Amino acid sequence: TQAQVLQQQLNCEPSCGDYNPGGNGYDIRGSQKWTGDSITVSCLPNATREAGTDGEIVTCRESGAWTLKQLICRAPCNVPTDQFGRSYDYRSYLTSFGQGAIAS
């Protein structure tokens, strides 16, 4: 049996990591994260676009960082729920117990 040794040149390429737009009002299309890769960033249908253009392209740079986006999307705040999925309104507790009440 004859063994062959193959030499490969290994290239170390920085990864930009998963893209984090900094909020929950964004729709991210694409999962690439290597130098030169691009993804598309848009506002979710229920979010409000405050700046920039929907469908903005951001690119992974050689430095391992994503290009800066101009798009700003604001998602509406959801009504908080308890562990049973019922709407939670802190004001009802203030009414029931009184502001500044101490529970033990």
N, C-alpha and C. Protein backbone atom coordinates (compact mmCIF):
# COMPACT_ATOMS: atom_id res chain seq x y z
N THR A 1 0.85 -1.17 0.00
CA THR A 1 0.00 0.00 0.00
C THR A 1 0.89 1.23 0.00
N GLN A 2 0.56 2.10 -0.88
CA GLN A 2 1.35 3.33 -1.00
C GLN A 2 0.52 4.49 -0.48
N ALA A 3 1.10 5.25 0.40
CA ALA A 3 0.39 6.39 0.99
C ALA A 3 0.79 7.66 0.26
N GLN A 4 -0.16 8.48 0.05
CA GLN A 4 0.12 9.77 -0.56
C GLN A 4 -0.10 10.86 0.48
N VAL A 5 0.81 11.77 0.49
CA VAL A 5 0.67 12.91 1.39
C VAL A 5 0.30 14.11 0.53
N LEU A 6 -0.84 14.66 0.82
CA LEU A 6 -1.29 15.84 0.09
C LEU A 6 -1.03 17.08 0.93
N GLN A 7 -0.43 18.04 0.31
CA GLN A 7 -0.19 19.30 1.01
C GLN A 7 -1.27 20.29 0.61
N GLN A 8 -1.88 20.86 1.58
CA GLN A 8 -2.87 21.90 1.33
C GLN A 8 -2.43 23.16 2.06
N GLN A 9 -2.67 24.24 1.41
CA GLN A 9 -2.37 25.51 2.06
C GLN A 9 -3.61 25.91 2.85
N LEU A 10 -3.44 26.04 4.14
CA LEU A 10 -4.55 26.44 4.99
C LEU A 10 -4.58 27.96 5.09
N ASN A 11 -5.74 28.50 4.87
CA ASN A 11 -5.92 29.94 4.98
C ASN A 11 -6.78 30.24 6.19
N CYS A 12 -6.32 31.13 7.00
CA CYS A 12 -7.10 31.55 8.16
C CYS A 12 -7.90 32.78 7.75
N GLU A 13 -9.21 32.65 7.80
CA GLU A 13 -10.08 33.73 7.38
C GLU A 13 -10.98 34.12 8.56
N PRO A 14 -10.98 35.40 8.94
CA PRO A 14 -11.81 35.79 10.08
C PRO A 14 -13.30 35.67 9.74
N SER A 15 -14.06 35.32 10.74
CA SER A 15 -15.51 35.25 10.61
C SER A 15 -16.11 36.48 11.27
N CYS A 16 -17.15 37.01 10.68
CA CYS A 16 -17.86 38.13 11.29
C CYS A 16 -18.85 37.65 12.35
N GLY A 17 -19.08 36.35 12.42
CA GLY A 17 -20.06 35.82 13.36
C GLY A 17 -21.47 36.09 12.87
N ASP A 18 -22.44 35.60 13.60
CA ASP A 18 -23.84 35.84 13.24
C ASP A 18 -24.13 37.33 13.33
N TYR A 19 -24.88 37.84 12.36
CA TYR A 19 -25.19 39.26 12.34
C TYR A 19 -26.23 39.60 13.40
N ASN A 20 -25.93 40.61 14.21
CA ASN A 20 -26.85 41.08 15.24
C ASN A 20 -27.18 42.55 14.95
N PRO A 21 -28.40 42.82 14.46
CA PRO A 21 -28.74 44.19 14.09
C PRO A 21 -29.00 45.11 15.28
N GLY A 22 -29.10 44.56 16.48
CA GLY A 22 -29.30 45.40 17.65
C GLY A 22 -30.75 45.76 17.91
N GLY A 23 -31.64 44.84 17.75
CA GLY A 23 -33.06 45.07 18.02
C GLY A 23 -33.88 43.92 17.49
N ASN A 24 -35.17 43.91 17.80
CA ASN A 24 -36.00 42.80 17.36
C ASN A 24 -36.95 43.18 16.23
N GLY A 25 -36.73 44.29 15.56
CA GLY A 25 -37.59 44.72 14.46
C GLY A 25 -37.04 44.38 13.09
N TYR A 26 -36.01 43.52 13.03
CA TYR A 26 -35.31 43.28 11.77
C TYR A 26 -35.56 41.88 11.21
N ASP A 27 -35.57 41.80 9.89
CA ASP A 27 -35.64 40.53 9.16
C ASP A 27 -34.28 40.36 8.48
N ILE A 28 -33.56 39.30 8.84
CA ILE A 28 -32.22 39.04 8.30
C ILE A 28 -32.33 37.91 7.29
N ARG A 29 -31.89 38.15 6.06
CA ARG A 29 -31.91 37.13 5.01
C ARG A 29 -30.48 36.75 4.67
N GLY A 30 -30.16 35.48 4.91
CA GLY A 30 -28.82 34.97 4.66
C GLY A 30 -28.16 34.60 5.96
N SER A 31 -27.29 33.61 5.89
CA SER A 31 -26.62 33.15 7.12
C SER A 31 -25.11 33.14 6.96
N GLN A 32 -24.63 33.69 5.86
CA GLN A 32 -23.19 33.73 5.63
C GLN A 32 -22.53 34.63 6.65
N LYS A 33 -21.25 34.36 6.91
CA LYS A 33 -20.55 35.18 7.91
C LYS A 33 -19.05 35.25 7.66
N TRP A 34 -18.62 34.98 6.43
CA TRP A 34 -17.20 34.99 6.12
C TRP A 34 -16.85 36.21 5.28
N THR A 35 -15.58 36.57 5.23
CA THR A 35 -15.10 37.75 4.51
C THR A 35 -15.68 37.79 3.10
N GLY A 36 -16.28 38.91 2.76
CA GLY A 36 -16.87 39.11 1.44
C GLY A 36 -18.32 38.68 1.33
N ASP A 37 -18.83 37.91 2.29
CA ASP A 37 -20.23 37.49 2.27
C ASP A 37 -21.14 38.68 2.59
N SER A 38 -22.33 38.65 2.02
CA SER A 38 -23.31 39.70 2.27
C SER A 38 -24.63 39.09 2.72
N ILE A 39 -25.37 39.85 3.51
CA ILE A 39 -26.72 39.47 3.92
C ILE A 39 -27.63 40.68 3.70
N THR A 40 -28.92 40.43 3.67
CA THR A 40 -29.90 41.49 3.44
C THR A 40 -30.67 41.76 4.73
N VAL A 41 -30.78 43.02 5.09
CA VAL A 41 -31.47 43.43 6.32
C VAL A 41 -32.67 44.29 5.93
N SER A 42 -33.85 43.90 6.44
CA SER A 42 -35.09 44.64 6.21
C SER A 42 -35.83 44.77 7.52
N CYS A 43 -36.87 45.61 7.52
CA CYS A 43 -37.74 45.71 8.69
C CYS A 43 -38.79 44.61 8.62
N LEU A 44 -39.13 44.06 9.78
CA LEU A 44 -40.24 43.11 9.85
C LEU A 44 -41.54 43.84 9.48
N PRO A 45 -42.55 43.10 8.99
CA PRO A 45 -43.80 43.76 8.57
C PRO A 45 -44.46 44.60 9.67
N ASN A 46 -44.34 44.20 10.93
CA ASN A 46 -44.99 44.96 12.01
C ASN A 46 -44.10 46.05 12.59
N ALA A 47 -42.89 46.22 12.06
CA ALA A 47 -41.95 47.22 12.57
C ALA A 47 -42.04 48.51 11.75
N THR A 48 -41.64 49.60 12.35
CA THR A 48 -41.63 50.90 11.68
C THR A 48 -40.20 51.23 11.26
N ARG A 49 -40.03 51.61 9.98
CA ARG A 49 -38.71 52.02 9.49
C ARG A 49 -38.52 53.48 9.84
N GLU A 50 -37.48 53.78 10.62
CA GLU A 50 -37.20 55.15 11.05
C GLU A 50 -36.08 55.80 10.24
N ALA A 51 -35.22 54.99 9.64
CA ALA A 51 -34.12 55.53 8.83
C ALA A 51 -33.61 54.44 7.90
N GLY A 52 -32.92 54.85 6.86
CA GLY A 52 -32.31 53.90 5.94
C GLY A 52 -33.30 53.34 4.93
N THR A 53 -32.85 52.31 4.22
CA THR A 53 -33.62 51.69 3.15
C THR A 53 -33.86 50.23 3.45
N ASP A 54 -35.10 49.78 3.28
CA ASP A 54 -35.41 48.37 3.43
C ASP A 54 -34.63 47.56 2.40
N GLY A 55 -34.19 46.40 2.76
CA GLY A 55 -33.41 45.56 1.85
C GLY A 55 -31.95 45.98 1.78
N GLU A 56 -31.45 46.59 2.84
CA GLU A 56 -30.06 47.04 2.87
C GLU A 56 -29.11 45.84 2.91
N ILE A 57 -28.02 45.94 2.17
CA ILE A 57 -27.01 44.89 2.13
C ILE A 57 -25.88 45.25 3.09
N VAL A 58 -25.52 44.33 3.99
CA VAL A 58 -24.34 44.50 4.84
C VAL A 58 -23.36 43.39 4.49
N THR A 59 -22.08 43.71 4.56
CA THR A 59 -21.03 42.80 4.09
C THR A 59 -20.01 42.54 5.19
N CYS A 60 -19.54 41.30 5.24
CA CYS A 60 -18.48 40.92 6.19
C CYS A 60 -17.14 41.42 5.65
N ARG A 61 -16.46 42.25 6.43
CA ARG A 61 -15.18 42.83 6.01
C ARG A 61 -14.01 41.94 6.42
N GLU A 62 -12.86 42.18 5.84
CA GLU A 62 -11.64 41.41 6.15
C GLU A 62 -11.26 41.53 7.61
N SER A 63 -11.68 42.61 8.25
CA SER A 63 -11.35 42.83 9.66
C SER A 63 -12.15 41.91 10.59
N GLY A 64 -13.16 41.21 10.03
CA GLY A 64 -14.00 40.35 10.85
C GLY A 64 -15.19 41.10 11.43
N ALA A 65 -15.49 42.28 10.90
CA ALA A 65 -16.64 43.07 11.36
C ALA A 65 -17.57 43.33 10.18
N TRP A 66 -18.86 43.42 10.48
CA TRP A 66 -19.85 43.74 9.45
C TRP A 66 -19.79 45.23 9.13
N THR A 67 -20.11 45.58 7.87
CA THR A 67 -20.25 46.99 7.53
C THR A 67 -21.42 47.56 8.33
N LEU A 68 -21.39 48.85 8.58
CA LEU A 68 -22.44 49.48 9.38
C LEU A 68 -23.72 49.62 8.56
N LYS A 69 -24.83 49.38 9.19
CA LYS A 69 -26.12 49.55 8.51
C LYS A 69 -26.68 50.93 8.81
N GLN A 70 -27.45 51.45 7.86
CA GLN A 70 -28.13 52.73 8.05
C GLN A 70 -29.58 52.52 8.46
N LEU A 71 -30.08 51.30 8.24
CA LEU A 71 -31.48 50.98 8.50
C LEU A 71 -31.77 50.94 10.00
N ILE A 72 -32.82 51.61 10.42
CA ILE A 72 -33.28 51.55 11.81
C ILE A 72 -34.74 51.14 11.80
N CYS A 73 -35.04 50.02 12.44
CA CYS A 73 -36.41 49.49 12.52
C CYS A 73 -36.82 49.43 13.99
N ARG A 74 -38.03 49.85 14.27
CA ARG A 74 -38.56 49.79 15.63
C ARG A 74 -39.75 48.85 15.65
N ALA A 75 -39.64 47.81 16.45
CA ALA A 75 -40.75 46.87 16.60
C ALA A 75 -41.67 47.35 17.70
N PRO A 76 -42.97 47.07 17.57
CA PRO A 76 -43.88 47.45 18.65
C PRO A 76 -43.60 46.62 19.89
N CYS A 77 -43.85 47.19 21.04
CA CYS A 77 -43.67 46.45 22.29
C CYS A 77 -44.88 45.56 22.51
N ASN A 78 -44.64 44.31 22.84
CA ASN A 78 -45.72 43.39 23.13
C ASN A 78 -46.19 43.59 24.56
N VAL A 79 -47.46 43.32 24.79
CA VAL A 79 -48.00 43.36 26.14
C VAL A 79 -47.41 42.18 26.90
N PRO A 80 -46.82 42.40 28.06
CA PRO A 80 -46.24 41.28 28.81
C PRO A 80 -47.31 40.29 29.24
N THR A 81 -46.92 39.02 29.31
CA THR A 81 -47.83 37.97 29.75
C THR A 81 -47.22 37.22 30.92
N ASP A 82 -48.10 36.58 31.72
CA ASP A 82 -47.61 35.75 32.82
C ASP A 82 -47.30 34.35 32.30
N GLN A 83 -46.95 33.43 33.19
CA GLN A 83 -46.55 32.09 32.76
C GLN A 83 -47.68 31.31 32.12
N PHE A 84 -48.93 31.79 32.25
CA PHE A 84 -50.09 31.11 31.65
C PHE A 84 -50.53 31.78 30.36
N GLY A 85 -49.80 32.80 29.92
CA GLY A 85 -50.12 33.49 28.68
C GLY A 85 -51.15 34.59 28.82
N ARG A 86 -51.55 34.90 30.05
CA ARG A 86 -52.52 35.98 30.27
C ARG A 86 -51.79 37.32 30.26
N SER A 87 -52.48 38.33 29.74
CA SER A 87 -51.89 39.67 29.71
C SER A 87 -51.59 40.14 31.12
N TYR A 88 -50.46 40.78 31.27
CA TYR A 88 -50.01 41.25 32.58
C TYR A 88 -50.01 42.77 32.55
N ASP A 89 -50.66 43.38 33.49
CA ASP A 89 -50.70 44.84 33.58
C ASP A 89 -50.29 45.22 35.00
N TYR A 90 -49.11 45.79 35.14
CA TYR A 90 -48.59 46.12 36.47
C TYR A 90 -49.50 47.10 37.21
N ARG A 91 -50.27 47.91 36.47
CA ARG A 91 -51.14 48.90 37.12
C ARG A 91 -52.20 48.24 37.98
N SER A 92 -52.67 47.04 37.58
CA SER A 92 -53.68 46.37 38.40
C SER A 92 -53.10 45.98 39.75
N TYR A 93 -51.81 45.66 39.79
CA TYR A 93 -51.18 45.31 41.07
C TYR A 93 -50.98 46.55 41.94
N LEU A 94 -50.72 47.68 41.31
CA LEU A 94 -50.59 48.92 42.08
C LEU A 94 -51.93 49.28 42.71
N THR A 95 -53.01 49.04 41.97
CA THR A 95 -54.35 49.32 42.48
C THR A 95 -54.70 48.38 43.62
N SER A 96 -54.37 47.09 43.44
CA SER A 96 -54.73 46.08 44.45
C SER A 96 -53.96 46.26 45.74
N PHE A 97 -52.68 46.52 45.63
CA PHE A 97 -51.83 46.55 46.82
C PHE A 97 -51.44 47.97 47.25
N GLY A 98 -51.55 48.90 46.35
CA GLY A 98 -51.14 50.26 46.65
C GLY A 98 -49.66 50.46 46.37
N GLN A 99 -49.33 51.58 45.80
CA GLN A 99 -47.95 51.87 45.47
C GLN A 99 -47.11 51.93 46.74
N GLY A 100 -45.96 51.27 46.72
CA GLY A 100 -45.06 51.26 47.87
C GLY A 100 -45.37 50.15 48.86
N ALA A 101 -46.41 49.32 48.58
CA ALA A 101 -46.74 48.21 49.49
C ALA A 101 -45.61 47.19 49.47
N ILE A 102 -45.41 46.52 50.57
CA ILE A 102 -44.36 45.51 50.69
C ILE A 102 -45.03 44.16 50.89
N ALA A 103 -44.67 43.21 50.02
CA ALA A 103 -45.21 41.85 50.14
C ALA A 103 -44.13 40.96 50.72
N SER A 104 -44.54 40.02 51.56
CA SER A 104 -43.55 39.09 52.12
C SER A 104 -44.10 37.68 52.08
